[in-house]
Amino acid sequence: APMVMEGQWWRLLTAIFLHGGVAHLCANMVWLVLVGIDLEHKMSRM
């Protein structure tokens, strides 16, 4: 928050691509696969 409020708004986006370790990354990848595959077939990529 302090850095975002100082004007580093890009952190709102870059944080989405950072993870606190490999377990965190792997857990998110599993959940993304579970919902992502089905949604990807239902809607456009955009």
PDB file of all heavy atoms in Angstrom:
ATOM      1  N   ALA A   1       0.798  -1.236   0.000  1.00  0.00           N
ATOM      2  CA  ALA A   1       0.000   0.000   0.000  1.00  0.00           C
ATOM      3  C   ALA A   1       0.829   1.284   0.000  1.00  0.00           C
ATOM      4  O   ALA A   1       0.570   2.178  -0.817  1.00  0.00           O
ATOM      5  CB  ALA A   1      -0.986  -0.011   1.167  1.00  0.00           C
ATOM      6  N   PRO A   2       1.814   1.440   0.894  1.00  0.00           N
ATOM      7  CA  PRO A   2       2.568   2.705   0.881  1.00  0.00           C
ATOM      8  C   PRO A   2       3.240   3.002  -0.467  1.00  0.00           C
ATOM      9  O   PRO A   2       3.252   4.144  -0.926  1.00  0.00           O
ATOM     10  CB  PRO A   2       3.605   2.521   1.990  1.00  0.00           C
ATOM     11  CG  PRO A   2       2.971   1.544   2.931  1.00  0.00           C
ATOM     12  CD  PRO A   2       2.214   0.595   2.036  1.00  0.00           C
ATOM     13  N   MET A   3       3.762   1.984  -1.114  1.00  0.00           N
ATOM     14  CA  MET A   3       4.426   2.197  -2.409  1.00  0.00           C
ATOM     15  C   MET A   3       3.406   2.479  -3.505  1.00  0.00           C
ATOM     16  O   MET A   3       3.662   3.303  -4.389  1.00  0.00           O
ATOM     17  CB  MET A   3       5.294   0.988  -2.768  1.00  0.00           C
ATOM     18  CG  MET A   3       6.473   0.811  -1.850  1.00  0.00           C
ATOM     19  SD  MET A   3       7.349  -0.714  -2.259  1.00  0.00           S
ATOM     20  CE  MET A   3       9.031  -0.210  -1.921  1.00  0.00           C
ATOM     21  N   VAL A   4       2.262   1.787  -3.461  1.00  0.00           N
ATOM     22  CA  VAL A   4       1.210   2.043  -4.451  1.00  0.00           C
ATOM     23  C   VAL A   4       0.711   3.472  -4.301  1.00  0.00           C
ATOM     24  O   VAL A   4       0.536   4.191  -5.289  1.00  0.00           O
ATOM     25  CB  VAL A   4       0.062   1.019  -4.310  1.00  0.00           C
ATOM     26  CG1 VAL A   4      -1.130   1.404  -5.174  1.00  0.00           C
ATOM     27  CG2 VAL A   4       0.551  -0.383  -4.669  1.00  0.00           C
ATOM     28  N   MET A   5       0.498   3.907  -3.060  1.00  0.00           N
ATOM     29  CA  MET A   5      -0.004   5.263  -2.805  1.00  0.00           C
ATOM     30  C   MET A   5       1.006   6.344  -3.185  1.00  0.00           C
ATOM     31  O   MET A   5       0.624   7.478  -3.442  1.00  0.00           O
ATOM     32  CB  MET A   5      -0.405   5.422  -1.330  1.00  0.00           C
ATOM     33  CG  MET A   5      -1.544   4.512  -0.927  1.00  0.00           C
ATOM     34  SD  MET A   5      -2.968   4.729  -1.997  1.00  0.00           S
ATOM     35  CE  MET A   5      -4.105   3.594  -1.273  1.00  0.00           C
ATOM     36  N   GLU A   6       2.276   5.971  -3.238  1.00  0.00           N
ATOM     37  CA  GLU A   6       3.319   6.916  -3.673  1.00  0.00           C
ATOM     38  C   GLU A   6       3.404   7.010  -5.195  1.00  0.00           C
ATOM     39  O   GLU A   6       4.251   7.710  -5.724  1.00  0.00           O
ATOM     40  CB  GLU A   6       4.684   6.493  -3.119  1.00  0.00           C
ATOM     41  CG  GLU A   6       4.835   6.702  -1.634  1.00  0.00           C
ATOM     42  CD  GLU A   6       6.142   6.123  -1.100  1.00  0.00           C
ATOM     43  OE1 GLU A   6       6.952   5.570  -1.894  1.00  0.00           O
ATOM     44  OE2 GLU A   6       6.346   6.216   0.118  1.00  0.00           O
ATOM     45  N   GLY A   7       2.560   6.267  -5.897  1.00  0.00           N
ATOM     46  CA  GLY A   7       2.540   6.359  -7.352  1.00  0.00           C
ATOM     47  C   GLY A   7       2.991   5.113  -8.081  1.00  0.00           C
ATOM     48  O   GLY A   7       3.011   5.093  -9.316  1.00  0.00           O
ATOM     49  N   GLN A   8       3.367   4.069  -7.368  1.00  0.00           N
ATOM     50  CA  GLN A   8       3.816   2.845  -8.020  1.00  0.00           C
ATOM     51  C   GLN A   8       2.615   1.922  -8.272  1.00  0.00           C
ATOM     52  O   GLN A   8       2.547   0.789  -7.805  1.00  0.00           O
ATOM     53  CB  GLN A   8       4.877   2.154  -7.161  1.00  0.00           C
ATOM     54  CG  GLN A   8       6.137   2.973  -7.023  1.00  0.00           C
ATOM     55  CD  GLN A   8       7.195   2.277  -6.181  1.00  0.00           C
ATOM     56  OE1 GLN A   8       7.231   1.053  -6.080  1.00  0.00           O
ATOM     57  NE2 GLN A   8       8.076   3.061  -5.590  1.00  0.00           N
ATOM     58  N   TRP A   9       1.666   2.421  -9.074  1.00  0.00           N
ATOM     59  CA  TRP A   9       0.422   1.710  -9.361  1.00  0.00           C
ATOM     60  C   TRP A   9       0.647   0.392 -10.078  1.00  0.00           C
ATOM     61  O   TRP A   9      -0.174  -0.519  -9.975  1.00  0.00           O
ATOM     62  CB  TRP A   9      -0.519   2.605 -10.191  1.00  0.00           C
ATOM     63  CG  TRP A   9      -0.974   3.788  -9.412  1.00  0.00           C
ATOM     64  CD1 TRP A   9      -0.443   5.052  -9.447  1.00  0.00           C
ATOM     65  CD2 TRP A   9      -2.026   3.820  -8.446  1.00  0.00           C
ATOM     66  NE1 TRP A   9      -1.113   5.866  -8.560  1.00  0.00           N
ATOM     67  CE2 TRP A   9      -2.098   5.134  -7.936  1.00  0.00           C
ATOM     68  CE3 TRP A   9      -2.922   2.875  -7.960  1.00  0.00           C
ATOM     69  CZ2 TRP A   9      -3.025   5.522  -6.978  1.00  0.00           C
ATOM     70  CZ3 TRP A   9      -3.840   3.257  -7.006  1.00  0.00           C
ATOM     71  CH2 TRP A   9      -3.878   4.562  -6.533  1.00  0.00           C
ATOM     72  N   TRP A  10       1.739   0.284 -10.795  1.00  0.00           N
ATOM     73  CA  TRP A  10       2.044  -0.930 -11.533  1.00  0.00           C
ATOM     74  C   TRP A  10       2.145  -2.140 -10.611  1.00  0.00           C
ATOM     75  O   TRP A  10       1.952  -3.271 -11.043  1.00  0.00           O
ATOM     76  CB  TRP A  10       3.330  -0.765 -12.344  1.00  0.00           C
ATOM     77  CG  TRP A  10       4.472  -0.200 -11.563  1.00  0.00           C
ATOM     78  CD1 TRP A  10       4.796   1.126 -11.428  1.00  0.00           C
ATOM     79  CD2 TRP A  10       5.432  -0.925 -10.786  1.00  0.00           C
ATOM     80  NE1 TRP A  10       5.893   1.267 -10.607  1.00  0.00           N
ATOM     81  CE2 TRP A  10       6.308   0.017 -10.206  1.00  0.00           C
ATOM     82  CE3 TRP A  10       5.644  -2.267 -10.531  1.00  0.00           C
ATOM     83  CZ2 TRP A  10       7.372  -0.339  -9.386  1.00  0.00           C
ATOM     84  CZ3 TRP A  10       6.705  -2.630  -9.711  1.00  0.00           C
ATOM     85  CH2 TRP A  10       7.547  -1.673  -9.154  1.00  0.00           C
ATOM     86  N   ARG A  11       2.397  -1.930  -9.326  1.00  0.00           N
ATOM     87  CA  ARG A  11       2.487  -3.035  -8.366  1.00  0.00           C
ATOM     88  C   ARG A  11       1.173  -3.791  -8.232  1.00  0.00           C
ATOM     89  O   ARG A  11       1.161  -4.972  -7.881  1.00  0.00           O
ATOM     90  CB  ARG A  11       2.927  -2.519  -6.994  1.00  0.00           C
ATOM     91  CG  ARG A  11       4.357  -2.071  -6.954  1.00  0.00           C
ATOM     92  CD  ARG A  11       4.758  -1.542  -5.577  1.00  0.00           C
ATOM     93  NE  ARG A  11       6.164  -1.214  -5.569  1.00  0.00           N
ATOM     94  CZ  ARG A  11       7.147  -2.103  -5.380  1.00  0.00           C
ATOM     95  NH1 ARG A  11       6.862  -3.368  -5.160  1.00  0.00           N
ATOM     96  NH2 ARG A  11       8.396  -1.715  -5.395  1.00  0.00           N
ATOM     97  N   LEU A  12       0.054  -3.120  -8.520  1.00  0.00           N
ATOM     98  CA  LEU A  12      -1.243  -3.793  -8.486  1.00  0.00           C
ATOM     99  C   LEU A  12      -1.289  -4.927  -9.510  1.00  0.00           C
ATOM    100  O   LEU A  12      -1.980  -5.921  -9.312  1.00  0.00           O
ATOM    101  CB  LEU A  12      -2.381  -2.798  -8.755  1.00  0.00           C
ATOM    102  CG  LEU A  12      -2.574  -1.695  -7.716  1.00  0.00           C
ATOM    103  CD1 LEU A  12      -3.557  -0.652  -8.239  1.00  0.00           C
ATOM    104  CD2 LEU A  12      -3.033  -2.258  -6.385  1.00  0.00           C
ATOM    105  N   LEU A  13      -0.555  -4.775 -10.598  1.00  0.00           N
ATOM    106  CA  LEU A  13      -0.508  -5.793 -11.652  1.00  0.00           C
ATOM    107  C   LEU A  13       0.664  -6.759 -11.475  1.00  0.00           C
ATOM    108  O   LEU A  13       0.484  -7.971 -11.584  1.00  0.00           O
ATOM    109  CB  LEU A  13      -0.428  -5.131 -13.034  1.00  0.00           C
ATOM    110  CG  LEU A  13      -0.382  -6.076 -14.223  1.00  0.00           C
ATOM    111  CD1 LEU A  13      -1.668  -6.901 -14.316  1.00  0.00           C
ATOM    112  CD2 LEU A  13      -0.161  -5.308 -15.509  1.00  0.00           C
ATOM    113  N   THR A  14       1.846  -6.241 -11.190  1.00  0.00           N
ATOM    114  CA  THR A  14       3.014  -7.131 -11.104  1.00  0.00           C
ATOM    115  C   THR A  14       2.883  -8.142  -9.978  1.00  0.00           C
ATOM    116  O   THR A  14       3.393  -9.258 -10.086  1.00  0.00           O
ATOM    117  CB  THR A  14       4.323  -6.329 -10.943  1.00  0.00           C
ATOM    118  OG1 THR A  14       4.226  -5.469  -9.794  1.00  0.00           O
ATOM    119  CG2 THR A  14       4.635  -5.520 -12.188  1.00  0.00           C
ATOM    120  N   ALA A  15       2.181  -7.783  -8.919  1.00  0.00           N
ATOM    121  CA  ALA A  15       2.004  -8.707  -7.788  1.00  0.00           C
ATOM    122  C   ALA A  15       1.285  -9.987  -8.211  1.00  0.00           C
ATOM    123  O   ALA A  15       1.490 -11.048  -7.618  1.00  0.00           O
ATOM    124  CB  ALA A  15       1.236  -8.018  -6.669  1.00  0.00           C
ATOM    125  N   ILE A  16       0.460  -9.885  -9.255  1.00  0.00           N
ATOM    126  CA  ILE A  16      -0.293 -11.049  -9.733  1.00  0.00           C
ATOM    127  C   ILE A  16       0.655 -12.126 -10.272  1.00  0.00           C
ATOM    128  O   ILE A  16       0.339 -13.309 -10.268  1.00  0.00           O
ATOM    129  CB  ILE A  16      -1.296 -10.627 -10.834  1.00  0.00           C
ATOM    130  CG1 ILE A  16      -2.292  -9.615 -10.290  1.00  0.00           C
ATOM    131  CG2 ILE A  16      -2.019 -11.819 -11.426  1.00  0.00           C
ATOM    132  CD1 ILE A  16      -3.115  -8.932 -11.369  1.00  0.00           C
ATOM    133  N   PHE A  17       1.842 -11.730 -10.703  1.00  0.00           N
ATOM    134  CA  PHE A  17       2.786 -12.660 -11.316  1.00  0.00           C
ATOM    135  C   PHE A  17       3.894 -13.112 -10.372  1.00  0.00           C
ATOM    136  O   PHE A  17       4.756 -13.881 -10.766  1.00  0.00           O
ATOM    137  CB  PHE A  17       3.396 -12.031 -12.577  1.00  0.00           C
ATOM    138  CG  PHE A  17       2.355 -11.730 -13.608  1.00  0.00           C
ATOM    139  CD1 PHE A  17       1.837 -10.449 -13.741  1.00  0.00           C
ATOM    140  CD2 PHE A  17       1.856 -12.739 -14.412  1.00  0.00           C
ATOM    141  CE1 PHE A  17       0.855 -10.179 -14.674  1.00  0.00           C
ATOM    142  CE2 PHE A  17       0.873 -12.475 -15.352  1.00  0.00           C
ATOM    143  CZ  PHE A  17       0.371 -11.187 -15.475  1.00  0.00           C
ATOM    144  N   LEU A  18       3.864 -12.635  -9.148  1.00  0.00           N
ATOM    145  CA  LEU A  18       4.849 -13.036  -8.142  1.00  0.00           C
ATOM    146  C   LEU A  18       4.213 -14.012  -7.165  1.00  0.00           C
ATOM    147  O   LEU A  18       3.022 -13.925  -6.887  1.00  0.00           O
ATOM    148  CB  LEU A  18       5.342 -11.810  -7.361  1.00  0.00           C
ATOM    149  CG  LEU A  18       6.104 -10.756  -8.140  1.00  0.00           C
ATOM    150  CD1 LEU A  18       6.379  -9.545  -7.259  1.00  0.00           C
ATOM    151  CD2 LEU A  18       7.404 -11.331  -8.665  1.00  0.00           C
ATOM    152  N   HIS A  19       5.032 -14.914  -6.623  1.00  0.00           N
ATOM    153  CA  HIS A  19       4.537 -15.871  -5.642  1.00  0.00           C
ATOM    154  C   HIS A  19       5.554 -16.008  -4.519  1.00  0.00           C
ATOM    155  O   HIS A  19       6.748 -15.810  -4.730  1.00  0.00           O
ATOM    156  CB  HIS A  19       4.242 -17.216  -6.303  1.00  0.00           C
ATOM    157  CG  HIS A  19       3.044 -17.162  -7.181  1.00  0.00           C
ATOM    158  ND1 HIS A  19       3.086 -16.637  -8.454  1.00  0.00           N
ATOM    159  CD2 HIS A  19       1.761 -17.513  -6.963  1.00  0.00           C
ATOM    160  CE1 HIS A  19       1.880 -16.679  -8.981  1.00  0.00           C
ATOM    161  NE2 HIS A  19       1.053 -17.205  -8.100  1.00  0.00           N
ATOM    162  N   GLY A  20       5.059 -16.379  -3.354  1.00  0.00           N
ATOM    163  CA  GLY A  20       5.901 -16.478  -2.168  1.00  0.00           C
ATOM    164  C   GLY A  20       6.692 -17.765  -2.070  1.00  0.00           C
ATOM    165  O   GLY A  20       7.236 -18.061  -1.018  1.00  0.00           O
ATOM    166  N   GLY A  21       6.767 -18.523  -3.113  1.00  0.00           N
ATOM    167  CA  GLY A  21       7.511 -19.775  -3.150  1.00  0.00           C
ATOM    168  C   GLY A  21       6.888 -20.711  -4.171  1.00  0.00           C
ATOM    169  O   GLY A  21       5.830 -20.433  -4.733  1.00  0.00           O
ATOM    170  N   VAL A  22       7.535 -21.838  -4.394  1.00  0.00           N
ATOM    171  CA  VAL A  22       7.084 -22.779  -5.408  1.00  0.00           C
ATOM    172  C   VAL A  22       5.746 -23.422  -5.020  1.00  0.00           C
ATOM    173  O   VAL A  22       4.897 -23.635  -5.884  1.00  0.00           O
ATOM    174  CB  VAL A  22       8.176 -23.844  -5.685  1.00  0.00           C
ATOM    175  CG1 VAL A  22       7.662 -24.956  -6.563  1.00  0.00           C
ATOM    176  CG2 VAL A  22       9.378 -23.179  -6.334  1.00  0.00           C
ATOM    177  N   ALA A  23       5.537 -23.707  -3.746  1.00  0.00           N
ATOM    178  CA  ALA A  23       4.263 -24.300  -3.324  1.00  0.00           C
ATOM    179  C   ALA A  23       3.108 -23.354  -3.632  1.00  0.00           C
ATOM    180  O   ALA A  23       2.050 -23.778  -4.114  1.00  0.00           O
ATOM    181  CB  ALA A  23       4.298 -24.644  -1.840  1.00  0.00           C
ATOM    182  N   HIS A  24       3.300 -22.068  -3.381  1.00  0.00           N
ATOM    183  CA  HIS A  24       2.289 -21.047  -3.674  1.00  0.00           C
ATOM    184  C   HIS A  24       1.999 -21.021  -5.175  1.00  0.00           C
ATOM    185  O   HIS A  24       0.837 -21.029  -5.608  1.00  0.00           O
ATOM    186  CB  HIS A  24       2.803 -19.696  -3.175  1.00  0.00           C
ATOM    187  CG  HIS A  24       1.841 -18.573  -3.315  1.00  0.00           C
ATOM    188  ND1 HIS A  24       2.262 -17.265  -3.373  1.00  0.00           N
ATOM    189  CD2 HIS A  24       0.493 -18.526  -3.415  1.00  0.00           C
ATOM    190  CE1 HIS A  24       1.205 -16.476  -3.495  1.00  0.00           C
ATOM    191  NE2 HIS A  24       0.120 -17.219  -3.522  1.00  0.00           N
ATOM    192  N   LEU A  25       3.036 -21.029  -5.972  1.00  0.00           N
ATOM    193  CA  LEU A  25       2.896 -21.026  -7.429  1.00  0.00           C
ATOM    194  C   LEU A  25       2.171 -22.286  -7.917  1.00  0.00           C
ATOM    195  O   LEU A  25       1.245 -22.210  -8.726  1.00  0.00           O
ATOM    196  CB  LEU A  25       4.272 -20.916  -8.093  1.00  0.00           C
ATOM    197  CG  LEU A  25       4.295 -21.008  -9.619  1.00  0.00           C
ATOM    198  CD1 LEU A  25       3.553 -19.846 -10.246  1.00  0.00           C
ATOM    199  CD2 LEU A  25       5.735 -21.059 -10.112  1.00  0.00           C
ATOM    200  N   CYS A  26       2.570 -23.438  -7.406  1.00  0.00           N
ATOM    201  CA  CYS A  26       1.950 -24.702  -7.843  1.00  0.00           C
ATOM    202  C   CYS A  26       0.477 -24.767  -7.461  1.00  0.00           C
ATOM    203  O   CYS A  26      -0.345 -25.224  -8.263  1.00  0.00           O
ATOM    204  CB  CYS A  26       2.712 -25.889  -7.266  1.00  0.00           C
ATOM    205  SG  CYS A  26       4.341 -26.116  -8.024  1.00  0.00           S
ATOM    206  N   ALA A  27       0.143 -24.318  -6.266  1.00  0.00           N
ATOM    207  CA  ALA A  27      -1.262 -24.321  -5.850  1.00  0.00           C
ATOM    208  C   ALA A  27      -2.091 -23.452  -6.791  1.00  0.00           C
ATOM    209  O   ALA A  27      -3.169 -23.856  -7.244  1.00  0.00           O
ATOM    210  CB  ALA A  27      -1.392 -23.837  -4.409  1.00  0.00           C
ATOM    211  N   ASN A  28      -1.592 -22.267  -7.103  1.00  0.00           N
ATOM    212  CA  ASN A  28      -2.321 -21.392  -8.015  1.00  0.00           C
ATOM    213  C   ASN A  28      -2.430 -21.994  -9.410  1.00  0.00           C
ATOM    214  O   ASN A  28      -3.458 -21.855 -10.077  1.00  0.00           O
ATOM    215  CB  ASN A  28      -1.673 -20.012  -8.077  1.00  0.00           C
ATOM    216  CG  ASN A  28      -2.122 -19.110  -6.952  1.00  0.00           C
ATOM    217  OD1 ASN A  28      -3.195 -19.278  -6.383  1.00  0.00           O
ATOM    218  ND2 ASN A  28      -1.294 -18.151  -6.613  1.00  0.00           N
ATOM    219  N   MET A  29      -1.396 -22.688  -9.848  1.00  0.00           N
ATOM    220  CA  MET A  29      -1.446 -23.308 -11.178  1.00  0.00           C
ATOM    221  C   MET A  29      -2.514 -24.396 -11.237  1.00  0.00           C
ATOM    222  O   MET A  29      -3.229 -24.523 -12.233  1.00  0.00           O
ATOM    223  CB  MET A  29      -0.070 -23.864 -11.553  1.00  0.00           C
ATOM    224  CG  MET A  29       0.928 -22.776 -11.888  1.00  0.00           C
ATOM    225  SD  MET A  29       2.620 -23.369 -12.132  1.00  0.00           S
ATOM    226  CE  MET A  29       2.423 -24.537 -13.436  1.00  0.00           C
ATOM    227  N   VAL A  30      -2.634 -25.193 -10.171  1.00  0.00           N
ATOM    228  CA  VAL A  30      -3.653 -26.249 -10.134  1.00  0.00           C
ATOM    229  C   VAL A  30      -5.040 -25.632 -10.223  1.00  0.00           C
ATOM    230  O   VAL A  30      -5.886 -26.063 -11.011  1.00  0.00           O
ATOM    231  CB  VAL A  30      -3.504 -27.106  -8.856  1.00  0.00           C
ATOM    232  CG1 VAL A  30      -4.725 -27.991  -8.634  1.00  0.00           C
ATOM    233  CG2 VAL A  30      -2.240 -27.944  -8.932  1.00  0.00           C
ATOM    234  N   TRP A  31      -5.303 -24.601  -9.423  1.00  0.00           N
ATOM    235  CA  TRP A  31      -6.629 -23.965  -9.429  1.00  0.00           C
ATOM    236  C   TRP A  31      -6.901 -23.306 -10.775  1.00  0.00           C
ATOM    237  O   TRP A  31      -8.026 -23.340 -11.272  1.00  0.00           O
ATOM    238  CB  TRP A  31      -6.759 -22.952  -8.297  1.00  0.00           C
ATOM    239  CG  TRP A  31      -6.606 -23.572  -6.940  1.00  0.00           C
ATOM    240  CD1 TRP A  31      -5.723 -23.201  -5.966  1.00  0.00           C
ATOM    241  CD2 TRP A  31      -7.337 -24.667  -6.387  1.00  0.00           C
ATOM    242  NE1 TRP A  31      -5.868 -24.009  -4.866  1.00  0.00           N
ATOM    243  CE2 TRP A  31      -6.854 -24.911  -5.101  1.00  0.00           C
ATOM    244  CE3 TRP A  31      -8.352 -25.489  -6.877  1.00  0.00           C
ATOM    245  CZ2 TRP A  31      -7.350 -25.921  -4.283  1.00  0.00           C
ATOM    246  CZ3 TRP A  31      -8.853 -26.505  -6.060  1.00  0.00           C
ATOM    247  CH2 TRP A  31      -8.354 -26.706  -4.788  1.00  0.00           C
ATOM    248  N   LEU A  32      -5.874 -22.722 -11.369  1.00  0.00           N
ATOM    249  CA  LEU A  32      -6.032 -22.081 -12.675  1.00  0.00           C
ATOM    250  C   LEU A  32      -6.398 -23.116 -13.744  1.00  0.00           C
ATOM    251  O   LEU A  32      -7.282 -22.881 -14.568  1.00  0.00           O
ATOM    252  CB  LEU A  32      -4.755 -21.335 -13.068  1.00  0.00           C
ATOM    253  CG  LEU A  32      -4.776 -20.595 -14.391  1.00  0.00           C
ATOM    254  CD1 LEU A  32      -5.877 -19.557 -14.426  1.00  0.00           C
ATOM    255  CD2 LEU A  32      -3.424 -19.940 -14.643  1.00  0.00           C
ATOM    256  N   VAL A  33      -5.756 -24.258 -13.707  1.00  0.00           N
ATOM    257  CA  VAL A  33      -6.070 -25.315 -14.674  1.00  0.00           C
ATOM    258  C   VAL A  33      -7.509 -25.786 -14.478  1.00  0.00           C
ATOM    259  O   VAL A  33      -8.246 -25.980 -15.450  1.00  0.00           O
ATOM    260  CB  VAL A  33      -5.068 -26.492 -14.562  1.00  0.00           C
ATOM    261  CG1 VAL A  33      -5.570 -27.724 -15.292  1.00  0.00           C
ATOM    262  CG2 VAL A  33      -3.713 -26.078 -15.093  1.00  0.00           C
ATOM    263  N   LEU A  34      -7.922 -25.969 -13.221  1.00  0.00           N
ATOM    264  CA  LEU A  34      -9.271 -26.490 -12.958  1.00  0.00           C
ATOM    265  C   LEU A  34     -10.362 -25.601 -13.531  1.00  0.00           C
ATOM    266  O   LEU A  34     -11.325 -26.085 -14.108  1.00  0.00           O
ATOM    267  CB  LEU A  34      -9.481 -26.671 -11.452  1.00  0.00           C
ATOM    268  CG  LEU A  34      -8.718 -27.833 -10.833  1.00  0.00           C
ATOM    269  CD1 LEU A  34      -8.930 -27.875  -9.318  1.00  0.00           C
ATOM    270  CD2 LEU A  34      -9.121 -29.164 -11.457  1.00  0.00           C
ATOM    271  N   VAL A  35     -10.229 -24.298 -13.375  1.00  0.00           N
ATOM    272  CA  VAL A  35     -11.275 -23.404 -13.878  1.00  0.00           C
ATOM    273  C   VAL A  35     -10.944 -22.885 -15.273  1.00  0.00           C
ATOM    274  O   VAL A  35     -11.823 -22.656 -16.082  1.00  0.00           O
ATOM    275  CB  VAL A  35     -11.546 -22.233 -12.906  1.00  0.00           C
ATOM    276  CG1 VAL A  35     -10.422 -21.211 -12.918  1.00  0.00           C
ATOM    277  CG2 VAL A  35     -12.873 -21.577 -13.210  1.00  0.00           C
ATOM    278  N   GLY A  36      -9.684 -22.723 -15.544  1.00  0.00           N
ATOM    279  CA  GLY A  36      -9.266 -22.081 -16.785  1.00  0.00           C
ATOM    280  C   GLY A  36      -9.571 -22.846 -18.043  1.00  0.00           C
ATOM    281  O   GLY A  36      -9.987 -22.273 -19.047  1.00  0.00           O
ATOM    282  N   ILE A  37      -9.377 -24.138 -18.005  1.00  0.00           N
ATOM    283  CA  ILE A  37      -9.596 -24.945 -19.218  1.00  0.00           C
ATOM    284  C   ILE A  37     -11.039 -24.828 -19.683  1.00  0.00           C
ATOM    285  O   ILE A  37     -11.314 -24.633 -20.863  1.00  0.00           O
ATOM    286  CB  ILE A  37      -9.185 -26.408 -18.974  1.00  0.00           C
ATOM    287  CG1 ILE A  37      -7.668 -26.506 -18.884  1.00  0.00           C
ATOM    288  CG2 ILE A  37      -9.728 -27.314 -20.071  1.00  0.00           C
ATOM    289  CD1 ILE A  37      -7.148 -27.871 -18.505  1.00  0.00           C
ATOM    290  N   ASP A  38     -11.976 -24.936 -18.763  1.00  0.00           N
ATOM    291  CA  ASP A  38     -13.381 -24.877 -19.140  1.00  0.00           C
ATOM    292  C   ASP A  38     -13.779 -23.481 -19.617  1.00  0.00           C
ATOM    293  O   ASP A  38     -14.452 -23.332 -20.634  1.00  0.00           O
ATOM    294  CB  ASP A  38     -14.264 -25.308 -17.973  1.00  0.00           C
ATOM    295  CG  ASP A  38     -15.667 -25.608 -18.434  1.00  0.00           C
ATOM    296  OD1 ASP A  38     -15.827 -26.482 -19.298  1.00  0.00           O
ATOM    297  OD2 ASP A  38     -16.591 -24.932 -17.959  1.00  0.00           O
ATOM    298  N   LEU A  39     -13.362 -22.469 -18.885  1.00  0.00           N
ATOM    299  CA  LEU A  39     -13.719 -21.097 -19.279  1.00  0.00           C
ATOM    300  C   LEU A  39     -13.105 -20.709 -20.615  1.00  0.00           C
ATOM    301  O   LEU A  39     -13.717 -19.992 -21.397  1.00  0.00           O
ATOM    302  CB  LEU A  39     -13.277 -20.095 -18.212  1.00  0.00           C
ATOM    303  CG  LEU A  39     -14.190 -19.903 -17.028  1.00  0.00           C
ATOM    304  CD1 LEU A  39     -13.607 -18.877 -16.069  1.00  0.00           C
ATOM    305  CD2 LEU A  39     -15.585 -19.499 -17.451  1.00  0.00           C
ATOM    306  N   GLU A  40     -11.914 -21.188 -20.864  1.00  0.00           N
ATOM    307  CA  GLU A  40     -11.229 -20.853 -22.109  1.00  0.00           C
ATOM    308  C   GLU A  40     -12.017 -21.342 -23.323  1.00  0.00           C
ATOM    309  O   GLU A  40     -11.998 -20.713 -24.372  1.00  0.00           O
ATOM    310  CB  GLU A  40      -9.829 -21.473 -22.082  1.00  0.00           C
ATOM    311  CG  GLU A  40      -8.867 -20.850 -23.031  1.00  0.00           C
ATOM    312  CD  GLU A  40      -7.455 -21.353 -22.810  1.00  0.00           C
ATOM    313  OE1 GLU A  40      -7.283 -22.435 -22.206  1.00  0.00           O
ATOM    314  OE2 GLU A  40      -6.536 -20.669 -23.263  1.00  0.00           O
ATOM    315  N   HIS A  41     -12.740 -22.436 -23.160  1.00  0.00           N
ATOM    316  CA  HIS A  41     -13.556 -22.964 -24.249  1.00  0.00           C
ATOM    317  C   HIS A  41     -14.893 -22.243 -24.383  1.00  0.00           C
ATOM    318  O   HIS A  41     -15.522 -22.298 -25.434  1.00  0.00           O
ATOM    319  CB  HIS A  41     -13.794 -24.465 -24.070  1.00  0.00           C
ATOM    320  CG  HIS A  41     -12.552 -25.280 -24.198  1.00  0.00           C
ATOM    321  ND1 HIS A  41     -11.847 -25.395 -25.375  1.00  0.00           N
ATOM    322  CD2 HIS A  41     -11.865 -26.004 -23.288  1.00  0.00           C
ATOM    323  CE1 HIS A  41     -10.794 -26.150 -25.188  1.00  0.00           C
ATOM    324  NE2 HIS A  41     -10.774 -26.537 -23.931  1.00  0.00           N
ATOM    325  N   LYS A  42     -15.335 -21.585 -23.336  1.00  0.00           N
ATOM    326  CA  LYS A  42     -16.635 -20.912 -23.346  1.00  0.00           C
ATOM    327  C   LYS A  42     -16.560 -19.484 -23.880  1.00  0.00           C
ATOM    328  O   LYS A  42     -17.545 -18.956 -24.367  1.00  0.00           O
ATOM    329  CB  LYS A  42     -17.229 -20.847 -21.928  1.00  0.00           C
ATOM    330  CG  LYS A  42     -17.943 -22.084 -21.504  1.00  0.00           C
ATOM    331  CD  LYS A  42     -19.252 -22.213 -22.237  1.00  0.00           C
ATOM    332  CE  LYS A  42     -19.996 -23.439 -21.770  1.00  0.00           C
ATOM    333  NZ  LYS A  42     -20.931 -23.931 -22.726  1.00  0.00           N
ATOM    334  N   MET A  43     -15.423 -18.838 -23.723  1.00  0.00           N
ATOM    335  CA  MET A  43     -15.335 -17.418 -24.079  1.00  0.00           C
ATOM    336  C   MET A  43     -14.121 -17.139 -24.950  1.00  0.00           C
ATOM    337  O   MET A  43     -13.247 -17.976 -25.078  1.00  0.00           O
ATOM    338  CB  MET A  43     -15.315 -16.561 -22.814  1.00  0.00           C
ATOM    339  CG  MET A  43     -14.201 -16.867 -21.853  1.00  0.00           C
ATOM    340  SD  MET A  43     -14.189 -15.892 -20.331  1.00  0.00           S
ATOM    341  CE  MET A  43     -15.750 -16.218 -19.590  1.00  0.00           C
ATOM    342  N   SER A  44     -14.095 -15.954 -25.493  1.00  0.00           N
ATOM    343  CA  SER A  44     -12.949 -15.551 -26.309  1.00  0.00           C
ATOM    344  C   SER A  44     -11.729 -15.342 -25.414  1.00  0.00           C
ATOM    345  O   SER A  44     -11.849 -15.127 -24.215  1.00  0.00           O
ATOM    346  CB  SER A  44     -13.264 -14.256 -27.060  1.00  0.00           C
ATOM    347  OG  SER A  44     -13.332 -13.165 -26.153  1.00  0.00           O
ATOM    348  N   ARG A  45     -10.575 -15.400 -26.022  1.00  0.00           N
ATOM    349  CA  ARG A  45      -9.339 -15.142 -25.264  1.00  0.00           C
ATOM    350  C   ARG A  45      -9.351 -13.747 -24.662  1.00  0.00           C
ATOM    351  O   ARG A  45      -8.905 -13.545 -23.534  1.00  0.00           O
ATOM    352  CB  ARG A  45      -8.118 -15.296 -26.171  1.00  0.00           C
ATOM    353  CG  ARG A  45      -7.791 -16.711 -26.454  1.00  0.00           C
ATOM    354  CD  ARG A  45      -6.489 -16.816 -27.230  1.00  0.00           C
ATOM    355  NE  ARG A  45      -6.263 -18.211 -27.544  1.00  0.00           N
ATOM    356  CZ  ARG A  45      -5.654 -18.626 -28.624  1.00  0.00           C
ATOM    357  NH1 ARG A  45      -5.201 -17.757 -29.498  1.00  0.00           N
ATOM    358  NH2 ARG A  45      -5.491 -19.910 -28.837  1.00  0.00           N
ATOM    359  N   MET A  46      -9.859 -12.777 -25.418  1.00  0.00           N
ATOM    360  CA  MET A  46      -9.888 -11.407 -24.934  1.00  0.00           C
ATOM    361  C   MET A  46     -10.776 -11.276 -23.695  1.00  0.00           C
ATOM    362  O   MET A  46     -10.407 -10.625 -22.723  1.00  0.00           O
ATOM    363  CB  MET A  46     -10.355 -10.453 -26.041  1.00  0.00           C
ATOM    364  CG  MET A  46     -10.237  -8.991 -25.662  1.00  0.00           C
ATOM    365  SD  MET A  46      -8.565  -8.492 -25.162  1.00  0.00           S
ATOM    366  CE  MET A  46      -7.728  -8.561 -26.707  1.00  0.00           C
TER     367      MET A  46
END
